[in-house]
Amino acid sequence: MNSVDLSEVLLDEMVILDREPFKDKDDMFNVMTRQFETAGLVSDAGAFKKALEFGADLHGQYDCHPSREM
């Protein structure tokens, strides 16, 4: 398996360390959207948030769990 050096992938603006834990997934998406938009990493905050939500929904629908029958 290949390794990834996160310092080569993540920008400083993408790391959020100085805040209280997120209340829930929606809170995390809101914080990420604001942070990335403010840093100029996202040009369309609405589309970015929808993509995060879609990805989370898709992951939840197709995530495999040992107890789930396929």
PDB file of N, CA and C in Angstrom:
ATOM      1  N   MET A   1       0.842  -1.180   0.000  1.00  0.00           N
ATOM      2  CA  MET A   1       0.000   0.000   0.000  1.00  0.00           C
ATOM      3  C   MET A   1       0.888   1.243   0.000  1.00  0.00           C
ATOM      4  N   ASN A   2       0.538   2.204  -0.811  1.00  0.00           N
ATOM      5  CA  ASN A   2       1.299   3.444  -0.876  1.00  0.00           C
ATOM      6  C   ASN A   2       1.005   4.316   0.330  1.00  0.00           C
ATOM      7  N   SER A   3       2.004   5.081   0.735  1.00  0.00           N
ATOM      8  CA  SER A   3       1.789   6.005   1.842  1.00  0.00           C
ATOM      9  C   SER A   3       1.608   7.413   1.289  1.00  0.00           C
ATOM     10  N   VAL A   4       0.935   8.240   2.061  1.00  0.00           N
ATOM     11  CA  VAL A   4       0.673   9.615   1.660  1.00  0.00           C
ATOM     12  C   VAL A   4       1.218  10.536   2.733  1.00  0.00           C
ATOM     13  N   ASP A   5       1.995  11.505   2.320  1.00  0.00           N
ATOM     14  CA  ASP A   5       2.489  12.517   3.245  1.00  0.00           C
ATOM     15  C   ASP A   5       1.454  13.640   3.275  1.00  0.00           C
ATOM     16  N   LEU A   6       0.690  13.724   4.366  1.00  0.00           N
ATOM     17  CA  LEU A   6      -0.394  14.698   4.449  1.00  0.00           C
ATOM     18  C   LEU A   6       0.093  16.135   4.290  1.00  0.00           C
ATOM     19  N   SER A   7       1.338  16.404   4.662  1.00  0.00           N
ATOM     20  CA  SER A   7       1.861  17.764   4.508  1.00  0.00           C
ATOM     21  C   SER A   7       1.991  18.151   3.039  1.00  0.00           C
ATOM     22  N   GLU A   8       1.998  17.164   2.148  1.00  0.00           N
ATOM     23  CA  GLU A   8       2.062  17.438   0.714  1.00  0.00           C
ATOM     24  C   GLU A   8       0.672  17.527   0.085  1.00  0.00           C
ATOM     25  N   VAL A   9      -0.345  17.118   0.821  1.00  0.00           N
ATOM     26  CA  VAL A   9      -1.707  17.069   0.294  1.00  0.00           C
ATOM     27  C   VAL A   9      -2.578  18.181   0.866  1.00  0.00           C
ATOM     28  N   LEU A  10      -2.480  18.397   2.173  1.00  0.00           N
ATOM     29  CA  LEU A  10      -3.332  19.378   2.845  1.00  0.00           C
ATOM     30  C   LEU A  10      -2.653  20.743   2.922  1.00  0.00           C
ATOM     31  N   LEU A  11      -3.415  21.763   2.643  1.00  0.00           N
ATOM     32  CA  LEU A  11      -2.940  23.133   2.825  1.00  0.00           C
ATOM     33  C   LEU A  11      -3.199  23.547   4.265  1.00  0.00           C
ATOM     34  N   ASP A  12      -2.423  24.482   4.772  1.00  0.00           N
ATOM     35  CA  ASP A  12      -2.630  24.972   6.134  1.00  0.00           C
ATOM     36  C   ASP A  12      -4.058  25.445   6.339  1.00  0.00           C
ATOM     37  N   GLU A  13      -4.651  26.055   5.309  1.00  0.00           N
ATOM     38  CA  GLU A  13      -6.007  26.596   5.401  1.00  0.00           C
ATOM     39  C   GLU A  13      -7.072  25.513   5.543  1.00  0.00           C
ATOM     40  N   MET A  14      -6.699  24.266   5.273  1.00  0.00           N
ATOM     41  CA  MET A  14      -7.655  23.171   5.335  1.00  0.00           C
ATOM     42  C   MET A  14      -7.682  22.483   6.703  1.00  0.00           C
ATOM     43  N   VAL A  15      -6.788  22.878   7.586  1.00  0.00           N
ATOM     44  CA  VAL A  15      -6.679  22.241   8.890  1.00  0.00           C
ATOM     45  C   VAL A  15      -7.310  23.155   9.940  1.00  0.00           C
ATOM     46  N   ILE A  16      -8.236  22.604  10.712  1.00  0.00           N
ATOM     47  CA  ILE A  16      -8.951  23.367  11.741  1.00  0.00           C
ATOM     48  C   ILE A  16      -8.671  22.687  13.076  1.00  0.00           C
ATOM     49  N   LEU A  17      -7.824  23.311  13.902  1.00  0.00           N
ATOM     50  CA  LEU A  17      -7.453  22.697  15.170  1.00  0.00           C
ATOM     51  C   LEU A  17      -7.935  23.474  16.388  1.00  0.00           C
ATOM     52  N   ASP A  18      -8.187  24.746  16.235  1.00  0.00           N
ATOM     53  CA  ASP A  18      -8.449  25.612  17.387  1.00  0.00           C
ATOM     54  C   ASP A  18      -9.939  25.888  17.594  1.00  0.00           C
ATOM     55  N   ARG A  19     -10.725  24.839  17.756  1.00  0.00           N
ATOM     56  CA  ARG A  19     -12.156  25.020  18.002  1.00  0.00           C
ATOM     57  C   ARG A  19     -12.681  23.857  18.819  1.00  0.00           C
ATOM     58  N   GLU A  20     -13.854  24.077  19.378  1.00  0.00           N
ATOM     59  CA  GLU A  20     -14.524  23.013  20.125  1.00  0.00           C
ATOM     60  C   GLU A  20     -14.914  21.897  19.158  1.00  0.00           C
ATOM     61  N   PRO A  21     -15.152  20.694  19.669  1.00  0.00           N
ATOM     62  CA  PRO A  21     -15.598  19.611  18.789  1.00  0.00           C
ATOM     63  C   PRO A  21     -16.896  19.979  18.062  1.00  0.00           C
ATOM     64  N   PHE A  22     -17.067  19.435  16.888  1.00  0.00           N
ATOM     65  CA  PHE A  22     -18.281  19.681  16.115  1.00  0.00           C
ATOM     66  C   PHE A  22     -19.477  19.056  16.826  1.00  0.00           C
ATOM     67  N   LYS A  23     -20.619  19.753  16.775  1.00  0.00           N
ATOM     68  CA  LYS A  23     -21.840  19.225  17.393  1.00  0.00           C
ATOM     69  C   LYS A  23     -22.355  18.019  16.638  1.00  0.00           C
ATOM     70  N   ASP A  24     -22.249  18.086  15.318  1.00  0.00           N
ATOM     71  CA  ASP A  24     -22.735  17.009  14.468  1.00  0.00           C
ATOM     72  C   ASP A  24     -22.161  17.211  13.068  1.00  0.00           C
ATOM     73  N   LYS A  25     -22.564  16.345  12.158  1.00  0.00           N
ATOM     74  CA  LYS A  25     -22.062  16.384  10.784  1.00  0.00           C
ATOM     75  C   LYS A  25     -22.393  17.716  10.110  1.00  0.00           C
ATOM     76  N   ASP A  26     -23.595  18.229  10.318  1.00  0.00           N
ATOM     77  CA  ASP A  26     -23.993  19.496   9.692  1.00  0.00           C
ATOM     78  C   ASP A  26     -23.141  20.652  10.190  1.00  0.00           C
ATOM     79  N   ASP A  27     -22.836  20.661  11.480  1.00  0.00           N
ATOM     80  CA  ASP A  27     -21.965  21.695  12.040  1.00  0.00           C
ATOM     81  C   ASP A  27     -20.587  21.625  11.395  1.00  0.00           C
ATOM     82  N   MET A  28     -20.055  20.423  11.240  1.00  0.00           N
ATOM     83  CA  MET A  28     -18.751  20.255  10.608  1.00  0.00           C
ATOM     84  C   MET A  28     -18.769  20.762   9.166  1.00  0.00           C
ATOM     85  N   PHE A  29     -19.817  20.415   8.417  1.00  0.00           N
ATOM     86  CA  PHE A  29     -19.917  20.866   7.029  1.00  0.00           C
ATOM     87  C   PHE A  29     -20.009  22.383   6.949  1.00  0.00           C
ATOM     88  N   ASN A  30     -20.759  23.001   7.863  1.00  0.00           N
ATOM     89  CA  ASN A  30     -20.876  24.463   7.875  1.00  0.00           C
ATOM     90  C   ASN A  30     -19.535  25.123   8.166  1.00  0.00           C
ATOM     91  N   VAL A  31     -18.813  24.600   9.149  1.00  0.00           N
ATOM     92  CA  VAL A  31     -17.505  25.159   9.509  1.00  0.00           C
ATOM     93  C   VAL A  31     -16.525  24.999   8.347  1.00  0.00           C
ATOM     94  N   MET A  32     -16.483  23.800   7.768  1.00  0.00           N
ATOM     95  CA  MET A  32     -15.574  23.561   6.643  1.00  0.00           C
ATOM     96  C   MET A  32     -15.897  24.484   5.475  1.00  0.00           C
ATOM     97  N   THR A  33     -17.168  24.633   5.173  1.00  0.00           N
ATOM     98  CA  THR A  33     -17.576  25.474   4.052  1.00  0.00           C
ATOM     99  C   THR A  33     -17.138  26.917   4.281  1.00  0.00           C
ATOM    100  N   ARG A  34     -17.403  27.458   5.470  1.00  0.00           N
ATOM    101  CA  ARG A  34     -16.995  28.843   5.780  1.00  0.00           C
ATOM    102  C   ARG A  34     -15.473  28.989   5.725  1.00  0.00           C
ATOM    103  N   GLN A  35     -14.755  28.046   6.337  1.00  0.00           N
ATOM    104  CA  GLN A  35     -13.290  28.098   6.381  1.00  0.00           C
ATOM    105  C   GLN A  35     -12.703  28.060   4.974  1.00  0.00           C
ATOM    106  N   PHE A  36     -13.177  27.158   4.156  1.00  0.00           N
ATOM    107  CA  PHE A  36     -12.627  27.005   2.815  1.00  0.00           C
ATOM    108  C   PHE A  36     -13.004  28.175   1.916  1.00  0.00           C
ATOM    109  N   GLU A  37     -14.203  28.717   2.094  1.00  0.00           N
ATOM    110  CA  GLU A  37     -14.612  29.878   1.302  1.00  0.00           C
ATOM    111  C   GLU A  37     -13.781  31.102   1.694  1.00  0.00           C
ATOM    112  N   THR A  38     -13.597  31.314   2.987  1.00  0.00           N
ATOM    113  CA  THR A  38     -12.804  32.445   3.473  1.00  0.00           C
ATOM    114  C   THR A  38     -11.360  32.357   2.975  1.00  0.00           C
ATOM    115  N   ALA A  39     -10.813  31.150   2.924  1.00  0.00           N
ATOM    116  CA  ALA A  39      -9.435  30.951   2.473  1.00  0.00           C
ATOM    117  C   ALA A  39      -9.309  31.012   0.960  1.00  0.00           C
ATOM    118  N   GLY A  40     -10.430  31.118   0.254  1.00  0.00           N
ATOM    119  CA  GLY A  40     -10.384  31.169  -1.205  1.00  0.00           C
ATOM    120  C   GLY A  40     -10.221  29.815  -1.864  1.00  0.00           C
ATOM    121  N   LEU A  41     -10.452  28.749  -1.103  1.00  0.00           N
ATOM    122  CA  LEU A  41     -10.322  27.397  -1.653  1.00  0.00           C
ATOM    123  C   LEU A  41     -11.593  26.936  -2.343  1.00  0.00           C
ATOM    124  N   VAL A  42     -12.708  27.603  -2.029  1.00  0.00           N
ATOM    125  CA  VAL A  42     -14.013  27.237  -2.583  1.00  0.00           C
ATOM    126  C   VAL A  42     -14.627  28.482  -3.210  1.00  0.00           C
ATOM    127  N   SER A  43     -15.021  28.377  -4.467  1.00  0.00           N
ATOM    128  CA  SER A  43     -15.623  29.540  -5.138  1.00  0.00           C
ATOM    129  C   SER A  43     -17.145  29.551  -5.027  1.00  0.00           C
ATOM    130  N   ASP A  44     -17.761  28.384  -4.832  1.00  0.00           N
ATOM    131  CA  ASP A  44     -19.213  28.289  -4.693  1.00  0.00           C
ATOM    132  C   ASP A  44     -19.522  27.506  -3.424  1.00  0.00           C
ATOM    133  N   ALA A  45     -19.723  28.228  -2.329  1.00  0.00           N
ATOM    134  CA  ALA A  45     -19.923  27.589  -1.028  1.00  0.00           C
ATOM    135  C   ALA A  45     -21.142  26.679  -1.023  1.00  0.00           C
ATOM    136  N   GLY A  46     -22.218  27.089  -1.667  1.00  0.00           N
ATOM    137  CA  GLY A  46     -23.426  26.275  -1.705  1.00  0.00           C
ATOM    138  C   GLY A  46     -23.194  24.942  -2.395  1.00  0.00           C
ATOM    139  N   ALA A  47     -22.526  24.976  -3.532  1.00  0.00           N
ATOM    140  CA  ALA A  47     -22.242  23.741  -4.274  1.00  0.00           C
ATOM    141  C   ALA A  47     -21.279  22.851  -3.487  1.00  0.00           C
ATOM    142  N   PHE A  48     -20.312  23.464  -2.813  1.00  0.00           N
ATOM    143  CA  PHE A  48     -19.362  22.688  -2.012  1.00  0.00           C
ATOM    144  C   PHE A  48     -20.091  21.955  -0.884  1.00  0.00           C
ATOM    145  N   LYS A  49     -20.970  22.654  -0.177  1.00  0.00           N
ATOM    146  CA  LYS A  49     -21.699  22.035   0.932  1.00  0.00           C
ATOM    147  C   LYS A  49     -22.611  20.914   0.421  1.00  0.00           C
ATOM    148  N   LYS A  50     -23.264  21.140  -0.720  1.00  0.00           N
ATOM    149  CA  LYS A  50     -24.109  20.082  -1.289  1.00  0.00           C
ATOM    150  C   LYS A  50     -23.277  18.853  -1.640  1.00  0.00           C
ATOM    151  N   ALA A  51     -22.066  19.067  -2.154  1.00  0.00           N
ATOM    152  CA  ALA A  51     -21.190  17.941  -2.497  1.00  0.00           C
ATOM    153  C   ALA A  51     -20.779  17.177  -1.243  1.00  0.00           C
ATOM    154  N   LEU A  52     -20.480  17.900  -0.155  1.00  0.00           N
ATOM    155  CA  LEU A  52     -20.158  17.225   1.104  1.00  0.00           C
ATOM    156  C   LEU A  52     -21.337  16.382   1.582  1.00  0.00           C
ATOM    157  N   GLU A  53     -22.521  16.959   1.532  1.00  0.00           N
ATOM    158  CA  GLU A  53     -23.719  16.252   1.991  1.00  0.00           C
ATOM    159  C   GLU A  53     -24.004  15.038   1.113  1.00  0.00           C
ATOM    160  N   PHE A  54     -23.854  15.195  -0.193  1.00  0.00           N
ATOM    161  CA  PHE A  54     -24.096  14.084  -1.115  1.00  0.00           C
ATOM    162  C   PHE A  54     -23.105  12.947  -0.850  1.00  0.00           C
ATOM    163  N   GLY A  55     -21.844  13.306  -0.675  1.00  0.00           N
ATOM    164  CA  GLY A  55     -20.827  12.294  -0.401  1.00  0.00           C
ATOM    165  C   GLY A  55     -21.099  11.551   0.892  1.00  0.00           C
ATOM    166  N   ALA A  56     -21.515  12.282   1.919  1.00  0.00           N
ATOM    167  CA  ALA A  56     -21.821  11.643   3.207  1.00  0.00           C
ATOM    168  C   ALA A  56     -23.032  10.723   3.078  1.00  0.00           C
ATOM    169  N   ASP A  57     -24.050  11.164   2.350  1.00  0.00           N
ATOM    170  CA  ASP A  57     -25.234  10.328   2.140  1.00  0.00           C
ATOM    171  C   ASP A  57     -24.883   9.081   1.345  1.00  0.00           C
ATOM    172  N   LEU A  58     -24.089   9.252   0.307  1.00  0.00           N
ATOM    173  CA  LEU A  58     -23.686   8.125  -0.533  1.00  0.00           C
ATOM    174  C   LEU A  58     -22.865   7.132   0.284  1.00  0.00           C
ATOM    175  N   HIS A  59     -21.965   7.642   1.087  1.00  0.00           N
ATOM    176  CA  HIS A  59     -21.130   6.776   1.924  1.00  0.00           C
ATOM    177  C   HIS A  59     -22.015   5.979   2.893  1.00  0.00           C
ATOM    178  N   GLY A  60     -22.976   6.633   3.486  1.00  0.00           N
ATOM    179  CA  GLY A  60     -23.874   5.962   4.429  1.00  0.00           C
ATOM    180  C   GLY A  60     -24.711   4.872   3.780  1.00  0.00           C
ATOM    181  N   GLN A  61     -25.073   5.070   2.523  1.00  0.00           N
ATOM    182  CA  GLN A  61     -25.907   4.092   1.829  1.00  0.00           C
ATOM    183  C   GLN A  61     -25.125   2.867   1.387  1.00  0.00           C
ATOM    184  N   TYR A  62     -23.849   3.061   1.049  1.00  0.00           N
ATOM    185  CA  TYR A  62     -23.082   1.967   0.475  1.00  0.00           C
ATOM    186  C   TYR A  62     -21.939   1.482   1.347  1.00  0.00           C
ATOM    187  N   ASP A  63     -21.882   1.968   2.575  1.00  0.00           N
ATOM    188  CA  ASP A  63     -20.838   1.541   3.492  1.00  0.00           C
ATOM    189  C   ASP A  63     -21.140   0.105   3.925  1.00  0.00           C
ATOM    190  N   CYS A  64     -20.143  -0.739   3.890  1.00  0.00           N
ATOM    191  CA  CYS A  64     -20.330  -2.152   4.265  1.00  0.00           C
ATOM    192  C   CYS A  64     -20.015  -2.342   5.739  1.00  0.00           C
ATOM    193  N   HIS A  65     -20.877  -3.019   6.422  1.00  0.00           N
ATOM    194  CA  HIS A  65     -20.689  -3.357   7.814  1.00  0.00           C
ATOM    195  C   HIS A  65     -20.798  -4.861   7.934  1.00  0.00           C
ATOM    196  N   PRO A  66     -19.999  -5.469   8.809  1.00  0.00           N
ATOM    197  CA  PRO A  66     -20.058  -6.932   8.949  1.00  0.00           C
ATOM    198  C   PRO A  66     -21.452  -7.457   9.261  1.00  0.00           C
ATOM    199  N   SER A  67     -22.255  -6.668   9.954  1.00  0.00           N
ATOM    200  CA  SER A  67     -23.581  -7.150  10.332  1.00  0.00           C
ATOM    201  C   SER A  67     -24.643  -6.902   9.257  1.00  0.00           C
ATOM    202  N   ARG A  68     -24.284  -6.186   8.215  1.00  0.00           N
ATOM    203  CA  ARG A  68     -25.240  -5.853   7.167  1.00  0.00           C
ATOM    204  C   ARG A  68     -25.208  -6.923   6.073  1.00  0.00           C
ATOM    205  N   GLU A  69     -26.363  -7.409   5.706  1.00  0.00           N
ATOM    206  CA  GLU A  69     -26.422  -8.392   4.623  1.00  0.00           C
ATOM    207  C   GLU A  69     -26.316  -7.693   3.299  1.00  0.00           C
ATOM    208  N   MET A  70     -25.623  -8.304   2.398  1.00  0.00           N
ATOM    209  CA  MET A  70     -25.430  -7.714   1.053  1.00  0.00           C
ATOM    210  C   MET A  70     -26.418  -8.331   0.082  1.00  0.00           C
TER     211      MET A  70
END
